[in-house]
PDB file of all heavy atoms in Angstrom:
ATOM      1  N   ASP A   1       0.807  -1.199   0.048  1.00  0.00           N
ATOM      2  CA  ASP A   1      -0.023  -0.004  -0.045  1.00  0.00           C
ATOM      3  C   ASP A   1       0.832   1.249   0.029  1.00  0.00           C
ATOM      4  O   ASP A   1       2.148   1.189   0.253  1.00  0.00           O
ATOM      5  CB  ASP A   1      -0.909   0.064   1.239  1.00  0.00           C
ATOM      6  CG  ASP A   1      -1.813  -1.235   1.278  1.00  0.00           C
ATOM      7  OD1 ASP A   1      -2.511  -1.554   0.303  1.00  0.00           O
ATOM      8  OD2 ASP A   1      -1.812  -1.966   2.283  1.00  0.00           O
ATOM      9  N   GLY A   2       0.206   2.371  -0.202  1.00  0.00           N
ATOM     10  CA  GLY A   2       1.018   3.655  -0.160  1.00  0.00           C
ATOM     11  C   GLY A   2       1.150   4.339  -1.513  1.00  0.00           C
ATOM     12  O   GLY A   2       0.805   3.674  -2.623  1.00  0.00           O
ATOM     13  N   THR A   3       1.646   5.448  -1.547  1.00  0.00           N
ATOM     14  CA  THR A   3       1.793   6.226  -2.745  1.00  0.00           C
ATOM     15  C   THR A   3       3.074   5.736  -3.505  1.00  0.00           C
ATOM     16  O   THR A   3       3.863   4.950  -3.046  1.00  0.00           O
ATOM     17  CB  THR A   3       2.078   7.768  -2.380  1.00  0.00           C
ATOM     18  OG1 THR A   3       3.240   7.800  -1.628  1.00  0.00           O
ATOM     19  CG2 THR A   3       0.937   8.345  -1.609  1.00  0.00           C
ATOM     20  N   LEU A   4       3.248   6.254  -4.774  1.00  0.00           N
ATOM     21  CA  LEU A   4       4.387   5.855  -5.465  1.00  0.00           C
ATOM     22  C   LEU A   4       5.701   6.161  -4.807  1.00  0.00           C
ATOM     23  O   LEU A   4       6.729   5.318  -4.687  1.00  0.00           O
ATOM     24  CB  LEU A   4       4.389   6.585  -6.884  1.00  0.00           C
ATOM     25  CG  LEU A   4       5.455   5.897  -7.904  1.00  0.00           C
ATOM     26  CD1 LEU A   4       5.043   4.458  -8.233  1.00  0.00           C
ATOM     27  CD2 LEU A   4       5.393   6.807  -9.132  1.00  0.00           C
ATOM     28  N   GLU A   5       5.723   7.353  -4.133  1.00  0.00           N
ATOM     29  CA  GLU A   5       6.852   7.810  -3.403  1.00  0.00           C
ATOM     30  C   GLU A   5       7.152   6.868  -2.211  1.00  0.00           C
ATOM     31  O   GLU A   5       8.314   6.556  -1.880  1.00  0.00           O
ATOM     32  CB  GLU A   5       6.637   9.168  -2.853  1.00  0.00           C
ATOM     33  CG  GLU A   5       6.689  10.304  -3.950  1.00  0.00           C
ATOM     34  CD  GLU A   5       5.388  10.344  -4.680  1.00  0.00           C
ATOM     35  OE1 GLU A   5       4.308   9.624  -4.264  1.00  0.00           O
ATOM     36  OE2 GLU A   5       5.306  11.038  -5.775  1.00  0.00           O
ATOM     37  N   GLU A   6       6.140   6.411  -1.544  1.00  0.00           N
ATOM     38  CA  GLU A   6       6.244   5.508  -0.392  1.00  0.00           C
ATOM     39  C   GLU A   6       6.776   4.139  -0.867  1.00  0.00           C
ATOM     40  O   GLU A   6       7.624   3.479  -0.110  1.00  0.00           O
ATOM     41  CB  GLU A   6       5.023   5.394   0.368  1.00  0.00           C
ATOM     42  CG  GLU A   6       4.617   6.614   1.077  1.00  0.00           C
ATOM     43  CD  GLU A   6       3.177   6.587   1.640  1.00  0.00           C
ATOM     44  OE1 GLU A   6       2.369   5.957   1.073  1.00  0.00           O
ATOM     45  OE2 GLU A   6       2.959   7.387   2.572  1.00  0.00           O
ATOM     46  N   LYS A   7       6.226   3.654  -2.002  1.00  0.00           N
ATOM     47  CA  LYS A   7       6.710   2.267  -2.514  1.00  0.00           C
ATOM     48  C   LYS A   7       8.213   2.316  -2.963  1.00  0.00           C
ATOM     49  O   LYS A   7       8.950   1.358  -2.769  1.00  0.00           O
ATOM     50  CB  LYS A   7       5.854   1.944  -3.689  1.00  0.00           C
ATOM     51  CG  LYS A   7       4.406   1.545  -3.356  1.00  0.00           C
ATOM     52  CD  LYS A   7       3.615   1.205  -4.562  1.00  0.00           C
ATOM     53  CE  LYS A   7       2.123   1.054  -4.359  1.00  0.00           C
ATOM     54  NZ  LYS A   7       1.811  -0.110  -3.480  1.00  0.00           N
ATOM     55  N   PHE A   8       8.612   3.481  -3.504  1.00  0.00           N
ATOM     56  CA  PHE A   8       9.969   3.553  -4.012  1.00  0.00           C
ATOM     57  C   PHE A   8      10.934   4.290  -2.932  1.00  0.00           C
ATOM     58  O   PHE A   8      12.023   4.695  -3.284  1.00  0.00           O
ATOM     59  CB  PHE A   8      10.141   4.278  -5.344  1.00  0.00           C
ATOM     60  CG  PHE A   8       9.705   3.452  -6.483  1.00  0.00           C
ATOM     61  CD1 PHE A   8       8.282   3.328  -6.864  1.00  0.00           C
ATOM     62  CD2 PHE A   8      10.663   2.673  -7.194  1.00  0.00           C
ATOM     63  CE1 PHE A   8       7.963   2.481  -7.855  1.00  0.00           C
ATOM     64  CE2 PHE A   8      10.249   1.916  -8.221  1.00  0.00           C
ATOM     65  CZ  PHE A   8       8.884   1.795  -8.598  1.00  0.00           C
ATOM     66  N   ALA A   9      10.594   4.344  -1.749  1.00  0.00           N
ATOM     67  CA  ALA A   9      11.323   5.091  -0.674  1.00  0.00           C
ATOM     68  C   ALA A   9      12.579   4.319  -0.445  1.00  0.00           C
ATOM     69  O   ALA A   9      12.610   3.009  -0.568  1.00  0.00           O
ATOM     70  CB  ALA A   9      10.499   5.241   0.577  1.00  0.00           C
ATOM     71  N   LEU A  10      13.631   5.018   0.037  1.00  0.00           N
ATOM     72  CA  LEU A  10      14.858   4.262   0.362  1.00  0.00           C
ATOM     73  C   LEU A  10      14.522   3.468   1.648  1.00  0.00           C
ATOM     74  O   LEU A  10      14.146   4.024   2.701  1.00  0.00           O
ATOM     75  CB  LEU A  10      15.948   5.311   0.593  1.00  0.00           C
ATOM     76  CG  LEU A  10      16.248   6.321  -0.580  1.00  0.00           C
ATOM     77  CD1 LEU A  10      17.364   7.366  -0.233  1.00  0.00           C
ATOM     78  CD2 LEU A  10      16.537   5.532  -1.813  1.00  0.00           C
ATOM     79  N   ARG A  11      15.068   2.193   1.642  1.00  0.00           N
ATOM     80  CA  ARG A  11      14.689   1.414   2.679  1.00  0.00           C
ATOM     81  C   ARG A  11      15.877   0.675   3.347  1.00  0.00           C
ATOM     82  O   ARG A  11      15.717   0.161   4.458  1.00  0.00           O
ATOM     83  CB  ARG A  11      13.675   0.304   2.235  1.00  0.00           C
ATOM     84  CG  ARG A  11      12.167   0.891   1.948  1.00  0.00           C
ATOM     85  CD  ARG A  11      11.225  -0.039   1.393  1.00  0.00           C
ATOM     86  NE  ARG A  11      11.157  -1.276   2.239  1.00  0.00           N
ATOM     87  CZ  ARG A  11      10.754  -2.437   1.726  1.00  0.00           C
ATOM     88  NH1 ARG A  11      10.420  -2.562   0.433  1.00  0.00           N
ATOM     89  NH2 ARG A  11      10.714  -3.403   2.452  1.00  0.00           N
ATOM     90  N   HIS A  12      16.976   0.357   2.651  1.00  0.00           N
ATOM     91  CA  HIS A  12      18.159  -0.230   3.296  1.00  0.00           C
ATOM     92  C   HIS A  12      19.457   0.181   2.728  1.00  0.00           C
ATOM     93  O   HIS A  12      19.460   0.796   1.552  1.00  0.00           O
ATOM     94  CB  HIS A  12      17.921  -1.777   3.365  1.00  0.00           C
ATOM     95  CG  HIS A  12      18.079  -2.401   2.027  1.00  0.00           C
ATOM     96  ND1 HIS A  12      19.202  -2.422   1.219  1.00  0.00           N
ATOM     97  CD2 HIS A  12      17.096  -3.073   1.347  1.00  0.00           C
ATOM     98  CE1 HIS A  12      19.047  -3.081   0.053  1.00  0.00           C
ATOM     99  NE2 HIS A  12      17.726  -3.421   0.175  1.00  0.00           N
ATOM    100  N   MET A  13      20.429  -0.022   3.362  1.00  0.00           N
ATOM    101  CA  MET A  13      21.832   0.334   2.956  1.00  0.00           C
ATOM    102  C   MET A  13      22.335  -0.849   2.062  1.00  0.00           C
ATOM    103  O   MET A  13      21.898  -2.015   2.220  1.00  0.00           O
ATOM    104  CB  MET A  13      22.697   0.353   4.180  1.00  0.00           C
ATOM    105  CG  MET A  13      24.092   0.948   3.853  1.00  0.00           C
ATOM    106  SD  MET A  13      24.096   2.727   3.750  1.00  0.00           S
ATOM    107  CE  MET A  13      23.873   3.189   5.494  1.00  0.00           C
ATOM    108  N   VAL A  14      23.182  -0.420   1.057  1.00  0.00           N
ATOM    109  CA  VAL A  14      23.915  -1.375   0.213  1.00  0.00           C
ATOM    110  C   VAL A  14      25.335  -1.085   0.471  1.00  0.00           C
ATOM    111  O   VAL A  14      25.792   0.095   0.378  1.00  0.00           O
ATOM    112  CB  VAL A  14      23.484  -1.402  -1.227  1.00  0.00           C
ATOM    113  CG1 VAL A  14      24.542  -2.189  -1.999  1.00  0.00           C
ATOM    114  CG2 VAL A  14      22.119  -1.857  -1.389  1.00  0.00           C
ATOM    115  N   THR A  15      26.145  -2.138   0.785  1.00  0.00           N
ATOM    116  CA  THR A  15      27.638  -1.944   1.033  1.00  0.00           C
ATOM    117  C   THR A  15      28.358  -2.598  -0.062  1.00  0.00           C
ATOM    118  O   THR A  15      28.160  -3.756  -0.415  1.00  0.00           O
ATOM    119  CB  THR A  15      28.000  -2.605   2.409  1.00  0.00           C
ATOM    120  OG1 THR A  15      27.350  -2.041   3.376  1.00  0.00           O
ATOM    121  CG2 THR A  15      29.535  -2.395   2.574  1.00  0.00           C
ATOM    122  N   PHE A  16      29.254  -1.811  -0.746  1.00  0.00           N
ATOM    123  CA  PHE A  16      30.034  -2.269  -1.944  1.00  0.00           C
ATOM    124  C   PHE A  16      31.355  -2.792  -1.496  1.00  0.00           C
ATOM    125  O   PHE A  16      31.822  -2.357  -0.406  1.00  0.00           O
ATOM    126  CB  PHE A  16      30.167  -1.166  -2.989  1.00  0.00           C
ATOM    127  CG  PHE A  16      28.827  -0.529  -3.390  1.00  0.00           C
ATOM    128  CD1 PHE A  16      28.704   0.767  -3.266  1.00  0.00           C
ATOM    129  CD2 PHE A  16      27.905  -1.425  -3.945  1.00  0.00           C
ATOM    130  CE1 PHE A  16      27.387   1.277  -3.847  1.00  0.00           C
ATOM    131  CE2 PHE A  16      26.678  -0.838  -4.493  1.00  0.00           C
ATOM    132  CZ  PHE A  16      26.421   0.523  -4.397  1.00  0.00           C
ATOM    133  N   THR A  17      32.025  -3.635  -2.302  1.00  0.00           N
ATOM    134  CA  THR A  17      33.349  -3.967  -2.078  1.00  0.00           C
ATOM    135  C   THR A  17      34.271  -2.840  -2.113  1.00  0.00           C
ATOM    136  O   THR A  17      34.282  -2.042  -3.133  1.00  0.00           O
ATOM    137  CB  THR A  17      33.652  -4.991  -3.095  1.00  0.00           C
ATOM    138  OG1 THR A  17      32.849  -6.170  -3.033  1.00  0.00           O
ATOM    139  CG2 THR A  17      35.181  -5.613  -2.866  1.00  0.00           C
ATOM    140  N   GLU A  18      35.087  -2.664  -1.234  1.00  0.00           N
ATOM    141  CA  GLU A  18      36.110  -1.591  -1.182  1.00  0.00           C
ATOM    142  C   GLU A  18      37.047  -1.618  -2.481  1.00  0.00           C
ATOM    143  O   GLU A  18      37.530  -2.580  -2.806  1.00  0.00           O
ATOM    144  CB  GLU A  18      36.978  -1.596   0.077  1.00  0.00           C
ATOM    145  CG  GLU A  18      37.866  -0.435   0.108  1.00  0.00           C
ATOM    146  CD  GLU A  18      38.565  -0.485   1.476  1.00  0.00           C
ATOM    147  OE1 GLU A  18      38.514  -1.374   2.222  1.00  0.00           O
ATOM    148  OE2 GLU A  18      39.427   0.524   1.724  1.00  0.00           O
ATOM    149  N   GLY A  19      36.916  -0.470  -3.220  1.00  0.00           N
ATOM    150  CA  GLY A  19      37.755  -0.513  -4.410  1.00  0.00           C
ATOM    151  C   GLY A  19      37.181  -1.106  -5.572  1.00  0.00           C
ATOM    152  O   GLY A  19      37.764  -1.031  -6.663  1.00  0.00           O
ATOM    153  N   GLY A  20      35.939  -1.671  -5.448  1.00  0.00           N
ATOM    154  CA  GLY A  20      35.267  -2.362  -6.657  1.00  0.00           C
ATOM    155  C   GLY A  20      34.641  -1.314  -7.535  1.00  0.00           C
ATOM    156  O   GLY A  20      34.622  -0.032  -7.248  1.00  0.00           O
ATOM    157  N   PRO A  21      34.035  -1.625  -8.632  1.00  0.00           N
ATOM    158  CA  PRO A  21      33.593  -0.766  -9.581  1.00  0.00           C
ATOM    159  C   PRO A  21      32.346   0.077  -9.105  1.00  0.00           C
ATOM    160  O   PRO A  21      32.257   1.230  -9.471  1.00  0.00           O
ATOM    161  CB  PRO A  21      33.068  -1.610 -10.764  1.00  0.00           C
ATOM    162  CG  PRO A  21      33.148  -2.980 -10.190  1.00  0.00           C
ATOM    163  CD  PRO A  21      34.135  -3.153  -9.154  1.00  0.00           C
ATOM    164  N   PHE A  22      31.503  -0.486  -8.261  1.00  0.00           N
ATOM    165  CA  PHE A  22      30.423   0.300  -7.730  1.00  0.00           C
ATOM    166  C   PHE A  22      30.911   1.301  -6.705  1.00  0.00           C
ATOM    167  O   PHE A  22      30.423   2.450  -6.711  1.00  0.00           O
ATOM    168  CB  PHE A  22      29.351  -0.565  -7.140  1.00  0.00           C
ATOM    169  CG  PHE A  22      28.509  -1.292  -8.045  1.00  0.00           C
ATOM    170  CD1 PHE A  22      28.806  -2.534  -8.537  1.00  0.00           C
ATOM    171  CD2 PHE A  22      27.292  -0.652  -8.427  1.00  0.00           C
ATOM    172  CE1 PHE A  22      27.880  -3.092  -9.510  1.00  0.00           C
ATOM    173  CE2 PHE A  22      26.502  -1.289  -9.470  1.00  0.00           C
ATOM    174  CZ  PHE A  22      26.807  -2.398  -9.901  1.00  0.00           C
ATOM    175  N   HIS A  23      31.933   0.939  -5.893  1.00  0.00           N
ATOM    176  CA  HIS A  23      32.559   1.976  -4.957  1.00  0.00           C
ATOM    177  C   HIS A  23      33.135   3.058  -5.688  1.00  0.00           C
ATOM    178  O   HIS A  23      32.915   4.173  -5.444  1.00  0.00           O
ATOM    179  CB  HIS A  23      33.573   1.188  -4.097  1.00  0.00           C
ATOM    180  CG  HIS A  23      34.199   1.940  -3.100  1.00  0.00           C
ATOM    181  ND1 HIS A  23      35.387   1.645  -2.418  1.00  0.00           N
ATOM    182  CD2 HIS A  23      33.891   3.254  -2.598  1.00  0.00           C
ATOM    183  CE1 HIS A  23      35.694   2.533  -1.614  1.00  0.00           C
ATOM    184  NE2 HIS A  23      34.894   3.566  -1.597  1.00  0.00           N
ATOM    185  N   ARG A  24      33.843   2.795  -6.778  1.00  0.00           N
ATOM    186  CA  ARG A  24      34.429   3.812  -7.538  1.00  0.00           C
ATOM    187  C   ARG A  24      33.487   4.631  -8.224  1.00  0.00           C
ATOM    188  O   ARG A  24      33.606   5.908  -8.307  1.00  0.00           O
ATOM    189  CB  ARG A  24      35.493   3.156  -8.607  1.00  0.00           C
ATOM    190  CG  ARG A  24      36.618   2.427  -7.867  1.00  0.00           C
ATOM    191  CD  ARG A  24      37.724   2.092  -8.995  1.00  0.00           C
ATOM    192  NE  ARG A  24      37.218   1.446 -10.110  1.00  0.00           N
ATOM    193  CZ  ARG A  24      37.203   0.017 -10.241  1.00  0.00           C
ATOM    194  NH1 ARG A  24      37.593  -0.670  -9.177  1.00  0.00           N
ATOM    195  NH2 ARG A  24      36.732  -0.501 -11.300  1.00  0.00           N
TER     196      ARG A  24
END
């Protein structure tokens, strides 16, 4: 339930590998 903004709200952290492509 909820608005589009509520459905797509930021909900958790993602931790990237240090020095990996996403970190960079």
